[in-house]
Amino acid sequence: MNNTAVMAMLSGLRSADRERSIGYLEVSNGIGILCGPLIGALLFNIGGYHFPFAVFALLYIAVYPVIAHYLFKANSEK
């Protein structure tokens, strides 16, 4: 759901900003797909089945205000 909303917000940017922002989004998705299973497996070994979900949920909740700030800032500067 988040990726769909971010792509919709990025589509409202100017052409040069839109292409750069979508590129950053795709790079970050690729890094997440590459590193996610490794980090998840390490967290599973540390704390069991529920631990990776709890860690990433707390991380997402902590980082989401920063992401929203930059997205709304980029969208308002168009």
PDB file of N, CA and C in Angstrom:
ATOM      1  N   MET A   1       0.830  -1.190   0.000  1.00  0.00           N
ATOM      2  CA  MET A   1       0.000   0.000   0.000  1.00  0.00           C
ATOM      3  C   MET A   1       0.872   1.248   0.000  1.00  0.00           C
ATOM      4  N   ASN A   2       1.932   1.222   0.751  1.00  0.00           N
ATOM      5  CA  ASN A   2       2.789   2.392   0.857  1.00  0.00           C
ATOM      6  C   ASN A   2       3.455   2.705  -0.476  1.00  0.00           C
ATOM      7  N   ASN A   3       3.929   1.681  -1.173  1.00  0.00           N
ATOM      8  CA  ASN A   3       4.599   1.895  -2.441  1.00  0.00           C
ATOM      9  C   ASN A   3       3.651   2.507  -3.468  1.00  0.00           C
ATOM     10  N   THR A   4       2.412   2.087  -3.488  1.00  0.00           N
ATOM     11  CA  THR A   4       1.432   2.652  -4.405  1.00  0.00           C
ATOM     12  C   THR A   4       1.176   4.120  -4.092  1.00  0.00           C
ATOM     13  N   ALA A   5       1.050   4.447  -2.820  1.00  0.00           N
ATOM     14  CA  ALA A   5       0.813   5.835  -2.431  1.00  0.00           C
ATOM     15  C   ALA A   5       2.007   6.714  -2.761  1.00  0.00           C
ATOM     16  N   VAL A   6       3.216   6.213  -2.538  1.00  0.00           N
ATOM     17  CA  VAL A   6       4.426   6.989  -2.826  1.00  0.00           C
ATOM     18  C   VAL A   6       4.549   7.226  -4.327  1.00  0.00           C
ATOM     19  N   MET A   7       4.279   6.220  -5.142  1.00  0.00           N
ATOM     20  CA  MET A   7       4.359   6.406  -6.589  1.00  0.00           C
ATOM     21  C   MET A   7       3.321   7.419  -7.064  1.00  0.00           C
ATOM     22  N   ALA A   8       2.147   7.427  -6.461  1.00  0.00           N
ATOM     23  CA  ALA A   8       1.134   8.413  -6.831  1.00  0.00           C
ATOM     24  C   ALA A   8       1.582   9.819  -6.454  1.00  0.00           C
ATOM     25  N   MET A   9       2.217   9.963  -5.302  1.00  0.00           N
ATOM     26  CA  MET A   9       2.708  11.281  -4.898  1.00  0.00           C
ATOM     27  C   MET A   9       3.866  11.736  -5.785  1.00  0.00           C
ATOM     28  N   LEU A  10       4.735  10.821  -6.156  1.00  0.00           N
ATOM     29  CA  LEU A  10       5.877  11.179  -6.987  1.00  0.00           C
ATOM     30  C   LEU A  10       5.462  11.544  -8.412  1.00  0.00           C
ATOM     31  N   SER A  11       4.355  11.016  -8.860  1.00  0.00           N
ATOM     32  CA  SER A  11       3.924  11.321 -10.223  1.00  0.00           C
ATOM     33  C   SER A  11       3.499  12.778 -10.377  1.00  0.00           C
ATOM     34  N   GLY A  12       3.248  13.466  -9.286  1.00  0.00           N
ATOM     35  CA  GLY A  12       2.858  14.865  -9.346  1.00  0.00           C
ATOM     36  C   GLY A  12       4.031  15.832  -9.389  1.00  0.00           C
ATOM     37  N   LEU A  13       5.254  15.326  -9.335  1.00  0.00           N
ATOM     38  CA  LEU A  13       6.427  16.195  -9.350  1.00  0.00           C
ATOM     39  C   LEU A  13       6.771  16.632 -10.773  1.00  0.00           C
ATOM     40  N   ARG A  14       7.650  17.623 -10.878  1.00  0.00           N
ATOM     41  CA  ARG A  14       8.158  18.027 -12.190  1.00  0.00           C
ATOM     42  C   ARG A  14       8.929  16.879 -12.811  1.00  0.00           C
ATOM     43  N   SER A  15       9.128  16.938 -14.102  1.00  0.00           N
ATOM     44  CA  SER A  15       9.711  15.817 -14.837  1.00  0.00           C
ATOM     45  C   SER A  15      11.076  15.393 -14.299  1.00  0.00           C
ATOM     46  N   ALA A  16      12.017  16.334 -14.145  1.00  0.00           N
ATOM     47  CA  ALA A  16      13.361  15.966 -13.686  1.00  0.00           C
ATOM     48  C   ALA A  16      13.336  15.441 -12.255  1.00  0.00           C
ATOM     49  N   ASP A  17      12.575  16.091 -11.387  1.00  0.00           N
ATOM     50  CA  ASP A  17      12.481  15.634  -9.998  1.00  0.00           C
ATOM     51  C   ASP A  17      11.780  14.287  -9.917  1.00  0.00           C
ATOM     52  N   ARG A  18      10.772  14.092 -10.747  1.00  0.00           N
ATOM     53  CA  ARG A  18      10.013  12.847 -10.731  1.00  0.00           C
ATOM     54  C   ARG A  18      10.910  11.672 -11.124  1.00  0.00           C
ATOM     55  N   GLU A  19      11.676  11.832 -12.182  1.00  0.00           N
ATOM     56  CA  GLU A  19      12.531  10.733 -12.640  1.00  0.00           C
ATOM     57  C   GLU A  19      13.601  10.387 -11.603  1.00  0.00           C
ATOM     58  N   ARG A  20      14.202  11.397 -11.005  1.00  0.00           N
ATOM     59  CA  ARG A  20      15.227  11.158  -9.981  1.00  0.00           C
ATOM     60  C   ARG A  20      14.610  10.489  -8.760  1.00  0.00           C
ATOM     61  N   SER A  21      13.450  10.976  -8.327  1.00  0.00           N
ATOM     62  CA  SER A  21      12.801  10.423  -7.139  1.00  0.00           C
ATOM     63  C   SER A  21      12.355   8.982  -7.357  1.00  0.00           C
ATOM     64  N   ILE A  22      11.818   8.694  -8.525  1.00  0.00           N
ATOM     65  CA  ILE A  22      11.415   7.314  -8.817  1.00  0.00           C
ATOM     66  C   ILE A  22      12.648   6.415  -8.881  1.00  0.00           C
ATOM     67  N   GLY A  23      13.751   6.930  -9.401  1.00  0.00           N
ATOM     68  CA  GLY A  23      14.999   6.164  -9.406  1.00  0.00           C
ATOM     69  C   GLY A  23      15.465   5.841  -8.005  1.00  0.00           C
ATOM     70  N   TYR A  24      15.423   6.830  -7.099  1.00  0.00           N
ATOM     71  CA  TYR A  24      15.797   6.582  -5.700  1.00  0.00           C
ATOM     72  C   TYR A  24      14.876   5.537  -5.064  1.00  0.00           C
ATOM     73  N   LEU A  25      13.590   5.634  -5.375  1.00  0.00           N
ATOM     74  CA  LEU A  25      12.638   4.674  -4.823  1.00  0.00           C
ATOM     75  C   LEU A  25      12.942   3.257  -5.308  1.00  0.00           C
ATOM     76  N   GLU A  26      13.237   3.121  -6.590  1.00  0.00           N
ATOM     77  CA  GLU A  26      13.533   1.794  -7.137  1.00  0.00           C
ATOM     78  C   GLU A  26      14.844   1.237  -6.583  1.00  0.00           C
ATOM     79  N   VAL A  27      15.843   2.097  -6.406  1.00  0.00           N
ATOM     80  CA  VAL A  27      17.107   1.643  -5.813  1.00  0.00           C
ATOM     81  C   VAL A  27      16.883   1.164  -4.379  1.00  0.00           C
ATOM     82  N   SER A  28      16.119   1.931  -3.613  1.00  0.00           N
ATOM     83  CA  SER A  28      15.873   1.524  -2.225  1.00  0.00           C
ATOM     84  C   SER A  28      15.057   0.231  -2.163  1.00  0.00           C
ATOM     85  N   ASN A  29      14.118   0.045  -3.085  1.00  0.00           N
ATOM     86  CA  ASN A  29      13.378  -1.224  -3.134  1.00  0.00           C
ATOM     87  C   ASN A  29      14.313  -2.385  -3.452  1.00  0.00           C
ATOM     88  N   GLY A  30      15.229  -2.188  -4.392  1.00  0.00           N
ATOM     89  CA  GLY A  30      16.184  -3.238  -4.742  1.00  0.00           C
ATOM     90  C   GLY A  30      17.096  -3.604  -3.583  1.00  0.00           C
ATOM     91  N   ILE A  31      17.571  -2.593  -2.863  1.00  0.00           N
ATOM     92  CA  ILE A  31      18.431  -2.861  -1.696  1.00  0.00           C
ATOM     93  C   ILE A  31      17.643  -3.607  -0.624  1.00  0.00           C
ATOM     94  N   GLY A  32      16.381  -3.228  -0.445  1.00  0.00           N
ATOM     95  CA  GLY A  32      15.547  -3.919   0.536  1.00  0.00           C
ATOM     96  C   GLY A  32      15.301  -5.371   0.168  1.00  0.00           C
ATOM     97  N   ILE A  33      15.062  -5.625  -1.115  1.00  0.00           N
ATOM     98  CA  ILE A  33      14.851  -7.005  -1.566  1.00  0.00           C
ATOM     99  C   ILE A  33      16.135  -7.817  -1.429  1.00  0.00           C
ATOM    100  N   LEU A  34      17.267  -7.165  -1.633  1.00  0.00           N
ATOM    101  CA  LEU A  34      18.553  -7.851  -1.536  1.00  0.00           C
ATOM    102  C   LEU A  34      18.929  -8.154  -0.083  1.00  0.00           C
ATOM    103  N   CYS A  35      18.764  -7.170   0.793  1.00  0.00           N
ATOM    104  CA  CYS A  35      19.227  -7.308   2.182  1.00  0.00           C
ATOM    105  C   CYS A  35      18.149  -7.809   3.141  1.00  0.00           C
ATOM    106  N   GLY A  36      16.890  -7.698   2.774  1.00  0.00           N
ATOM    107  CA  GLY A  36      15.796  -8.063   3.678  1.00  0.00           C
ATOM    108  C   GLY A  36      15.839  -9.486   4.187  1.00  0.00           C
ATOM    109  N   PRO A  37      15.981 -10.476   3.304  1.00  0.00           N
ATOM    110  CA  PRO A  37      16.029 -11.855   3.804  1.00  0.00           C
ATOM    111  C   PRO A  37      17.212 -12.132   4.731  1.00  0.00           C
ATOM    112  N   LEU A  38      18.342 -11.532   4.447  1.00  0.00           N
ATOM    113  CA  LEU A  38      19.514 -11.729   5.305  1.00  0.00           C
ATOM    114  C   LEU A  38      19.278 -11.151   6.696  1.00  0.00           C
ATOM    115  N   ILE A  39      18.779  -9.916   6.738  1.00  0.00           N
ATOM    116  CA  ILE A  39      18.519  -9.283   8.032  1.00  0.00           C
ATOM    117  C   ILE A  39      17.409 -10.014   8.773  1.00  0.00           C
ATOM    118  N   GLY A  40      16.373 -10.415   8.048  1.00  0.00           N
ATOM    119  CA  GLY A  40      15.289 -11.169   8.677  1.00  0.00           C
ATOM    120  C   GLY A  40      15.755 -12.486   9.269  1.00  0.00           C
ATOM    121  N   ALA A  41      16.634 -13.178   8.551  1.00  0.00           N
ATOM    122  CA  ALA A  41      17.160 -14.449   9.064  1.00  0.00           C
ATOM    123  C   ALA A  41      18.012 -14.230  10.310  1.00  0.00           C
ATOM    124  N   LEU A  42      18.813 -13.163  10.307  1.00  0.00           N
ATOM    125  CA  LEU A  42      19.621 -12.868  11.494  1.00  0.00           C
ATOM    126  C   LEU A  42      18.738 -12.542  12.692  1.00  0.00           C
ATOM    127  N   LEU A  43      17.708 -11.740  12.475  1.00  0.00           N
ATOM    128  CA  LEU A  43      16.805 -11.408  13.582  1.00  0.00           C
ATOM    129  C   LEU A  43      16.037 -12.632  14.060  1.00  0.00           C
ATOM    130  N   PHE A  44      15.674 -13.511  13.129  1.00  0.00           N
ATOM    131  CA  PHE A  44      14.994 -14.755  13.513  1.00  0.00           C
ATOM    132  C   PHE A  44      15.879 -15.602  14.411  1.00  0.00           C
ATOM    133  N   ASN A  45      17.163 -15.674  14.070  1.00  0.00           N
ATOM    134  CA  ASN A  45      18.089 -16.455  14.900  1.00  0.00           C
ATOM    135  C   ASN A  45      18.284 -15.834  16.272  1.00  0.00           C
ATOM    136  N   ILE A  46      18.182 -14.527  16.369  1.00  0.00           N
ATOM    137  CA  ILE A  46      18.359 -13.844  17.655  1.00  0.00           C
ATOM    138  C   ILE A  46      17.135 -14.018  18.550  1.00  0.00           C
ATOM    139  N   GLY A  47      15.930 -13.777  17.983  1.00  0.00           N
ATOM    140  CA  GLY A  47      14.769 -13.713  18.857  1.00  0.00           C
ATOM    141  C   GLY A  47      13.593 -14.585  18.516  1.00  0.00           C
ATOM    142  N   GLY A  48      13.682 -15.407  17.514  1.00  0.00           N
ATOM    143  CA  GLY A  48      12.571 -16.279  17.179  1.00  0.00           C
ATOM    144  C   GLY A  48      11.663 -15.680  16.113  1.00  0.00           C
ATOM    145  N   TYR A  49      10.517 -16.324  15.938  1.00  0.00           N
ATOM    146  CA  TYR A  49       9.624 -16.016  14.816  1.00  0.00           C
ATOM    147  C   TYR A  49       9.073 -14.598  14.851  1.00  0.00           C
ATOM    148  N   HIS A  50       8.628 -14.116  15.975  1.00  0.00           N
ATOM    149  CA  HIS A  50       7.970 -12.807  16.058  1.00  0.00           C
ATOM    150  C   HIS A  50       8.943 -11.635  16.112  1.00  0.00           C
ATOM    151  N   PHE A  51      10.179 -11.885  16.452  1.00  0.00           N
ATOM    152  CA  PHE A  51      11.151 -10.807  16.641  1.00  0.00           C
ATOM    153  C   PHE A  51      11.399  -9.968  15.384  1.00  0.00           C
ATOM    154  N   PRO A  52      11.612 -10.555  14.203  1.00  0.00           N
ATOM    155  CA  PRO A  52      11.825  -9.709  13.016  1.00  0.00           C
ATOM    156  C   PRO A  52      10.635  -8.814  12.714  1.00  0.00           C
ATOM    157  N   PHE A  53       9.426  -9.319  12.891  1.00  0.00           N
ATOM    158  CA  PHE A  53       8.233  -8.518  12.637  1.00  0.00           C
ATOM    159  C   PHE A  53       8.146  -7.344  13.610  1.00  0.00           C
ATOM    160  N   ALA A  54       8.442  -7.596  14.863  1.00  0.00           N
ATOM    161  CA  ALA A  54       8.383  -6.534  15.865  1.00  0.00           C
ATOM    162  C   ALA A  54       9.452  -5.477  15.605  1.00  0.00           C
ATOM    163  N   VAL A  55      10.657  -5.895  15.271  1.00  0.00           N
ATOM    164  CA  VAL A  55      11.740  -4.943  15.020  1.00  0.00           C
ATOM    165  C   VAL A  55      11.406  -4.060  13.829  1.00  0.00           C
ATOM    166  N   PHE A  56      10.967  -4.650  12.735  1.00  0.00           N
ATOM    167  CA  PHE A  56      10.677  -3.848  11.547  1.00  0.00           C
ATOM    168  C   PHE A  56       9.426  -2.999  11.713  1.00  0.00           C
ATOM    169  N   ALA A  57       8.459  -3.459  12.486  1.00  0.00           N
ATOM    170  CA  ALA A  57       7.291  -2.627  12.760  1.00  0.00           C
ATOM    171  C   ALA A  57       7.679  -1.390  13.562  1.00  0.00           C
ATOM    172  N   LEU A  58       8.495  -1.571  14.579  1.00  0.00           N
ATOM    173  CA  LEU A  58       8.955  -0.427  15.372  1.00  0.00           C
ATOM    174  C   LEU A  58       9.844   0.504  14.544  1.00  0.00           C
ATOM    175  N   LEU A  59      10.691  -0.062  13.715  1.00  0.00           N
ATOM    176  CA  LEU A  59      11.542   0.756  12.845  1.00  0.00           C
ATOM    177  C   LEU A  59      10.706   1.561  11.863  1.00  0.00           C
ATOM    178  N   TYR A  60       9.710   0.945  11.279  1.00  0.00           N
ATOM    179  CA  TYR A  60       8.849   1.630  10.323  1.00  0.00           C
ATOM    180  C   TYR A  60       8.063   2.747  11.001  1.00  0.00           C
ATOM    181  N   ILE A  61       7.552   2.492  12.183  1.00  0.00           N
ATOM    182  CA  ILE A  61       6.817   3.521  12.921  1.00  0.00           C
ATOM    183  C   ILE A  61       7.732   4.690  13.268  1.00  0.00           C
ATOM    184  N   ALA A  62       8.984   4.400  13.607  1.00  0.00           N
ATOM    185  CA  ALA A  62       9.922   5.461  13.970  1.00  0.00           C
ATOM    186  C   ALA A  62      10.347   6.292  12.766  1.00  0.00           C
ATOM    187  N   VAL A  63      10.496   5.683  11.598  1.00  0.00           N
ATOM    188  CA  VAL A  63      11.014   6.377  10.419  1.00  0.00           C
ATOM    189  C   VAL A  63       9.907   7.006   9.576  1.00  0.00           C
ATOM    190  N   TYR A  64       8.684   6.554   9.716  1.00  0.00           N
ATOM    191  CA  TYR A  64       7.594   7.029   8.866  1.00  0.00           C
ATOM    192  C   TYR A  64       7.376   8.547   8.926  1.00  0.00           C
ATOM    193  N   PRO A  65       7.444   9.205  10.081  1.00  0.00           N
ATOM    194  CA  PRO A  65       7.281  10.666  10.075  1.00  0.00           C
ATOM    195  C   PRO A  65       8.334  11.388   9.239  1.00  0.00           C
ATOM    196  N   VAL A  66       9.548  10.883   9.223  1.00  0.00           N
ATOM    197  CA  VAL A  66      10.596  11.499   8.409  1.00  0.00           C
ATOM    198  C   VAL A  66      10.283  11.313   6.926  1.00  0.00           C
ATOM    199  N   ILE A  67       9.869  10.114   6.549  1.00  0.00           N
ATOM    200  CA  ILE A  67       9.514   9.844   5.158  1.00  0.00           C
ATOM    201  C   ILE A  67       8.349  10.729   4.731  1.00  0.00           C
ATOM    202  N   ALA A  68       7.324  10.809   5.565  1.00  0.00           N
ATOM    203  CA  ALA A  68       6.161  11.625   5.229  1.00  0.00           C
ATOM    204  C   ALA A  68       6.537  13.095   5.100  1.00  0.00           C
ATOM    205  N   HIS A  69       7.405  13.570   5.957  1.00  0.00           N
ATOM    206  CA  HIS A  69       7.837  14.965   5.886  1.00  0.00           C
ATOM    207  C   HIS A  69       8.481  15.268   4.535  1.00  0.00           C
ATOM    208  N   TYR A  70       9.409  14.429   4.114  1.00  0.00           N
ATOM    209  CA  TYR A  70      10.097  14.676   2.853  1.00  0.00           C
ATOM    210  C   TYR A  70       9.184  14.499   1.651  1.00  0.00           C
ATOM    211  N   LEU A  71       8.250  13.554   1.721  1.00  0.00           N
ATOM    212  CA  LEU A  71       7.323  13.377   0.612  1.00  0.00           C
ATOM    213  C   LEU A  71       6.380  14.565   0.480  1.00  0.00           C
ATOM    214  N   PHE A  72       5.840  15.041   1.591  1.00  0.00           N
ATOM    215  CA  PHE A  72       4.939  16.189   1.526  1.00  0.00           C
ATOM    216  C   PHE A  72       5.693  17.448   1.128  1.00  0.00           C
ATOM    217  N   LYS A  73       6.940  17.565   1.577  1.00  0.00           N
ATOM    218  CA  LYS A  73       7.759  18.714   1.196  1.00  0.00           C
ATOM    219  C   LYS A  73       8.037  18.685  -0.302  1.00  0.00           C
ATOM    220  N   ALA A  74       8.400  17.526  -0.842  1.00  0.00           N
ATOM    221  CA  ALA A  74       8.680  17.410  -2.271  1.00  0.00           C
ATOM    222  C   ALA A  74       7.419  17.646  -3.092  1.00  0.00           C
ATOM    223  N   ASN A  75       6.285  17.188  -2.594  1.00  0.00           N
ATOM    224  CA  ASN A  75       5.033  17.339  -3.333  1.00  0.00           C
ATOM    225  C   ASN A  75       4.547  18.782  -3.304  1.00  0.00           C
ATOM    226  N   SER A  76       4.844  19.526  -2.263  1.00  0.00           N
ATOM    227  CA  SER A  76       4.376  20.916  -2.173  1.00  0.00           C
ATOM    228  C   SER A  76       5.255  21.875  -2.962  1.00  0.00           C
ATOM    229  N   GLU A  77       6.457  21.445  -3.356  1.00  0.00           N
ATOM    230  CA  GLU A  77       7.377  22.307  -4.099  1.00  0.00           C
ATOM    231  C   GLU A  77       7.204  22.212  -5.602  1.00  0.00           C
ATOM    232  N   LYS A  78       6.186  21.534  -6.069  1.00  0.00           N
ATOM    233  CA  LYS A  78       6.043  21.369  -7.522  1.00  0.00           C
ATOM    234  C   LYS A  78       5.558  22.589  -8.221  1.00  0.00           C
TER     235      LYS A  78
END
